[in-house]
Amino acid sequence: MNYSSGEIAKIGDLVELWEGNIGTVVCSIDTNEYSPDYPVKDWSYLSEGILIMSEAGGLIHKTNSDDDLKFIKRMD
């Protein structure tokens, strides 16, 4: 999945889901990247998209980017 700004979503990315709700990408099913807390065996059934752990909304599955989802920075 790409953000509306063009960057490819990667685990560890800091994003804003909507105003005031910041989250971290914890897996990208599209690129087969999974963090240790969200392993492939538990989440690959979703088939596409990314999972974001957010402060206000908990765990959110996104299958496409929208104007509300904003890439903030990449965590190295």
N, C-alpha and C. Protein backbone atom coordinates (compact mmCIF):
# COMPACT_ATOMS: atom_id res chain seq x y z
N MET A 1 0.84 -1.18 0.00
CA MET A 1 0.00 0.00 0.00
C MET A 1 0.88 1.24 0.00
N ASN A 2 0.49 2.22 -0.75
CA ASN A 2 1.18 3.52 -0.76
C ASN A 2 0.31 4.54 -0.04
N TYR A 3 0.98 5.46 0.64
CA TYR A 3 0.27 6.60 1.22
C TYR A 3 -0.10 7.54 0.08
N SER A 4 -1.01 8.45 0.32
CA SER A 4 -1.41 9.41 -0.73
C SER A 4 -0.23 10.27 -1.17
N SER A 5 0.79 10.40 -0.32
CA SER A 5 1.99 11.18 -0.67
C SER A 5 2.96 10.38 -1.54
N GLY A 6 2.70 9.08 -1.74
CA GLY A 6 3.50 8.26 -2.63
C GLY A 6 4.42 7.26 -1.97
N GLU A 7 4.77 7.46 -0.69
CA GLU A 7 5.65 6.53 0.01
C GLU A 7 4.98 5.17 0.17
N ILE A 8 5.78 4.11 0.08
CA ILE A 8 5.28 2.77 0.34
C ILE A 8 5.20 2.58 1.85
N ALA A 9 4.09 2.05 2.34
CA ALA A 9 3.93 1.81 3.78
C ALA A 9 4.86 0.70 4.23
N LYS A 10 5.58 0.94 5.33
CA LYS A 10 6.52 -0.04 5.90
C LYS A 10 6.30 -0.12 7.40
N ILE A 11 6.65 -1.27 7.98
CA ILE A 11 6.48 -1.38 9.44
C ILE A 11 7.37 -0.35 10.13
N GLY A 12 6.86 0.17 11.22
CA GLY A 12 7.57 1.19 11.98
C GLY A 12 7.21 2.61 11.57
N ASP A 13 6.52 2.78 10.43
CA ASP A 13 6.13 4.12 10.00
C ASP A 13 5.20 4.76 11.02
N LEU A 14 5.42 6.02 11.27
CA LEU A 14 4.54 6.81 12.12
C LEU A 14 3.54 7.50 11.21
N VAL A 15 2.26 7.35 11.51
CA VAL A 15 1.21 7.91 10.66
C VAL A 15 0.14 8.59 11.51
N GLU A 16 -0.61 9.45 10.86
CA GLU A 16 -1.79 10.04 11.49
C GLU A 16 -3.00 9.48 10.76
N LEU A 17 -3.88 8.80 11.49
CA LEU A 17 -5.07 8.20 10.89
C LEU A 17 -6.18 9.23 10.67
N TRP A 18 -6.34 10.09 11.62
CA TRP A 18 -7.22 11.24 11.53
C TRP A 18 -6.68 12.25 12.52
N GLU A 19 -7.16 13.45 12.46
CA GLU A 19 -6.59 14.51 13.30
C GLU A 19 -6.54 14.10 14.76
N GLY A 20 -5.32 14.12 15.30
CA GLY A 20 -5.11 13.81 16.71
C GLY A 20 -4.92 12.33 17.02
N ASN A 21 -5.04 11.44 16.04
CA ASN A 21 -4.85 10.01 16.28
C ASN A 21 -3.62 9.52 15.54
N ILE A 22 -2.54 9.35 16.30
CA ILE A 22 -1.25 8.91 15.76
C ILE A 22 -1.11 7.41 15.96
N GLY A 23 -0.49 6.75 15.00
CA GLY A 23 -0.28 5.32 15.11
C GLY A 23 1.00 4.89 14.43
N THR A 24 1.32 3.61 14.63
CA THR A 24 2.51 3.01 14.04
C THR A 24 2.10 1.80 13.22
N VAL A 25 2.66 1.69 12.01
CA VAL A 25 2.40 0.53 11.17
C VAL A 25 3.11 -0.66 11.81
N VAL A 26 2.34 -1.71 12.14
CA VAL A 26 2.91 -2.88 12.80
C VAL A 26 3.04 -4.07 11.86
N CYS A 27 2.38 -4.03 10.72
CA CYS A 27 2.64 -5.01 9.67
C CYS A 27 2.10 -4.49 8.35
N SER A 28 2.78 -4.94 7.29
CA SER A 28 2.35 -4.65 5.93
C SER A 28 2.15 -5.98 5.22
N ILE A 29 0.93 -6.38 5.09
CA ILE A 29 0.62 -7.64 4.42
C ILE A 29 1.06 -7.56 2.96
N ASP A 30 0.90 -6.40 2.35
CA ASP A 30 1.26 -6.20 0.95
C ASP A 30 2.73 -6.49 0.66
N THR A 31 3.62 -6.12 1.59
CA THR A 31 5.06 -6.32 1.38
C THR A 31 5.62 -7.46 2.23
N ASN A 32 4.71 -8.20 2.89
CA ASN A 32 5.10 -9.34 3.71
C ASN A 32 6.06 -8.97 4.84
N GLU A 33 5.80 -7.82 5.49
CA GLU A 33 6.59 -7.36 6.63
C GLU A 33 5.71 -7.43 7.88
N TYR A 34 6.20 -8.12 8.89
CA TYR A 34 5.45 -8.30 10.13
C TYR A 34 6.37 -8.03 11.31
N SER A 35 5.89 -7.24 12.27
CA SER A 35 6.68 -7.01 13.48
C SER A 35 6.52 -8.21 14.40
N PRO A 36 7.45 -8.39 15.35
CA PRO A 36 7.40 -9.56 16.24
C PRO A 36 6.07 -9.70 17.00
N ASP A 37 5.45 -8.58 17.37
CA ASP A 37 4.19 -8.65 18.12
C ASP A 37 2.98 -8.96 17.24
N TYR A 38 3.15 -8.89 15.92
CA TYR A 38 2.07 -9.14 14.96
C TYR A 38 2.60 -10.08 13.87
N PRO A 39 2.78 -11.37 14.20
CA PRO A 39 3.45 -12.31 13.29
C PRO A 39 2.59 -12.71 12.09
N VAL A 40 3.27 -13.15 11.05
CA VAL A 40 2.63 -13.57 9.80
C VAL A 40 1.57 -14.63 10.04
N LYS A 41 1.82 -15.57 10.95
CA LYS A 41 0.87 -16.66 11.18
C LYS A 41 -0.48 -16.16 11.70
N ASP A 42 -0.48 -14.99 12.35
CA ASP A 42 -1.72 -14.45 12.91
C ASP A 42 -2.45 -13.48 11.98
N TRP A 43 -1.72 -12.86 11.04
CA TRP A 43 -2.32 -11.76 10.29
C TRP A 43 -2.33 -11.92 8.78
N SER A 44 -1.63 -12.89 8.23
CA SER A 44 -1.58 -13.03 6.76
C SER A 44 -2.94 -13.36 6.15
N TYR A 45 -3.88 -13.87 6.95
CA TYR A 45 -5.22 -14.19 6.43
C TYR A 45 -5.93 -12.95 5.88
N LEU A 46 -5.48 -11.76 6.26
CA LEU A 46 -6.12 -10.53 5.79
C LEU A 46 -5.88 -10.28 4.30
N SER A 47 -4.84 -10.89 3.74
CA SER A 47 -4.54 -10.87 2.30
C SER A 47 -3.98 -9.57 1.74
N GLU A 48 -4.35 -8.42 2.30
CA GLU A 48 -3.84 -7.16 1.77
C GLU A 48 -3.89 -6.07 2.83
N GLY A 49 -3.15 -5.00 2.55
CA GLY A 49 -3.21 -3.81 3.39
C GLY A 49 -2.14 -3.75 4.46
N ILE A 50 -2.40 -2.91 5.46
CA ILE A 50 -1.49 -2.71 6.59
C ILE A 50 -2.29 -2.73 7.89
N LEU A 51 -1.59 -3.01 8.98
CA LEU A 51 -2.17 -2.90 10.32
C LEU A 51 -1.47 -1.76 11.03
N ILE A 52 -2.26 -0.91 11.66
CA ILE A 52 -1.74 0.24 12.39
C ILE A 52 -2.23 0.16 13.83
N MET A 53 -1.29 0.24 14.78
CA MET A 53 -1.67 0.34 16.19
C MET A 53 -1.71 1.83 16.51
N SER A 54 -2.91 2.30 16.87
CA SER A 54 -3.08 3.73 17.11
C SER A 54 -3.43 4.01 18.56
N GLU A 55 -3.16 5.23 18.96
CA GLU A 55 -3.41 5.64 20.33
C GLU A 55 -4.91 5.64 20.66
N ALA A 56 -5.70 6.23 19.79
CA ALA A 56 -7.12 6.39 20.09
C ALA A 56 -7.99 5.27 19.55
N GLY A 57 -7.57 4.63 18.46
CA GLY A 57 -8.43 3.65 17.81
C GLY A 57 -8.02 2.21 17.97
N GLY A 58 -6.91 1.94 18.66
CA GLY A 58 -6.45 0.57 18.80
C GLY A 58 -5.87 0.07 17.48
N LEU A 59 -6.05 -1.22 17.21
CA LEU A 59 -5.51 -1.84 16.01
C LEU A 59 -6.47 -1.64 14.84
N ILE A 60 -5.96 -1.07 13.77
CA ILE A 60 -6.79 -0.74 12.61
C ILE A 60 -6.19 -1.36 11.36
N HIS A 61 -7.04 -2.02 10.57
CA HIS A 61 -6.63 -2.61 9.30
C HIS A 61 -7.06 -1.66 8.18
N LYS A 62 -6.09 -1.24 7.36
CA LYS A 62 -6.37 -0.36 6.23
C LYS A 62 -5.98 -1.10 4.95
N THR A 63 -6.86 -1.08 3.96
CA THR A 63 -6.56 -1.73 2.68
C THR A 63 -6.26 -0.73 1.58
N ASN A 64 -6.54 0.53 1.85
CA ASN A 64 -6.16 1.57 0.89
C ASN A 64 -5.94 2.88 1.63
N SER A 65 -5.20 3.74 0.99
CA SER A 65 -4.91 5.03 1.58
C SER A 65 -6.07 5.98 1.30
N ASP A 66 -6.26 6.91 2.18
CA ASP A 66 -7.25 7.96 1.96
C ASP A 66 -6.64 9.28 2.42
N ASP A 67 -7.37 10.35 2.21
CA ASP A 67 -6.83 11.67 2.55
C ASP A 67 -6.58 11.84 4.04
N ASP A 68 -7.30 11.09 4.89
CA ASP A 68 -7.11 11.21 6.33
C ASP A 68 -5.82 10.55 6.80
N LEU A 69 -5.38 9.47 6.13
CA LEU A 69 -4.17 8.76 6.51
C LEU A 69 -2.95 9.52 6.02
N LYS A 70 -2.16 10.04 6.97
CA LYS A 70 -1.00 10.86 6.60
C LYS A 70 0.29 10.22 7.12
N PHE A 71 1.26 10.08 6.22
CA PHE A 71 2.59 9.60 6.57
C PHE A 71 3.30 10.73 7.31
N ILE A 72 3.85 10.42 8.51
CA ILE A 72 4.57 11.43 9.28
C ILE A 72 6.07 11.22 9.12
N LYS A 73 6.56 10.02 9.47
CA LYS A 73 7.99 9.77 9.30
C LYS A 73 8.26 8.27 9.35
N ARG A 74 9.40 7.93 8.79
CA ARG A 74 9.86 6.55 8.76
C ARG A 74 10.81 6.34 9.93
N MET A 75 10.56 5.29 10.68
CA MET A 75 11.43 4.93 11.80
C MET A 75 12.49 3.98 11.27
N ASP A 76 13.74 4.35 11.40
CA ASP A 76 14.84 3.51 10.87
C ASP A 76 15.19 2.38 11.76
